[in-house]
Amino acid sequence: MIDEFLAREIQTGNIKADQFTQEKKTIWLHGHCQQKSIIGIDPTRLLLSLPENFEVKTIPSGCCGMAGSFGYEKEHYDLSMKVGELVLLPTIRAAAENDWVVAPGTSCRHQIKDGTGKIALHPVEALLFSLRENSNVTI
């Protein structure tokens, strides 16, 4: 995964904290189910923690409820939203307005947008927007 590649680049010193903003930011991380089952979210936490003043909070959620295309199917929509409402969606709604929500999974980002109205970033987008020359980008 790209998260693993970037984590290795950080560990080898090819990507450094001084390339990123010094702004304080709280990041709410929701790991994708497949990612959590295969490699875990440690590489993602590492890369999101690279900017020195970023605090990464892992949302203690299971599946977002979308499960790929499952939540898009009319007969599964209500169940999909109930799963999202267990932990993920209420946690995001309670986050401060300037906090970032980050989710590697495409379907997870859609579920977050549909269930909360908030935009969830892919981890690579979060790093891009955190680079010193991009730190004035509004999300």
Foldseek 3Di string as FASTA:
>chain_A
DVLVVVLVCVVVPVDALVQFDLDAAEEEEEEAQVCCVPPRCVSLCNLQPRNPRYHYDYFPAHHLLCPDPQCVDPVRVVVSVVSNVPTPQVVVLPDDPRHAYAYQDPSSQVSNCVRHVDGHHHSVVSVVCGGPVNVVDDD
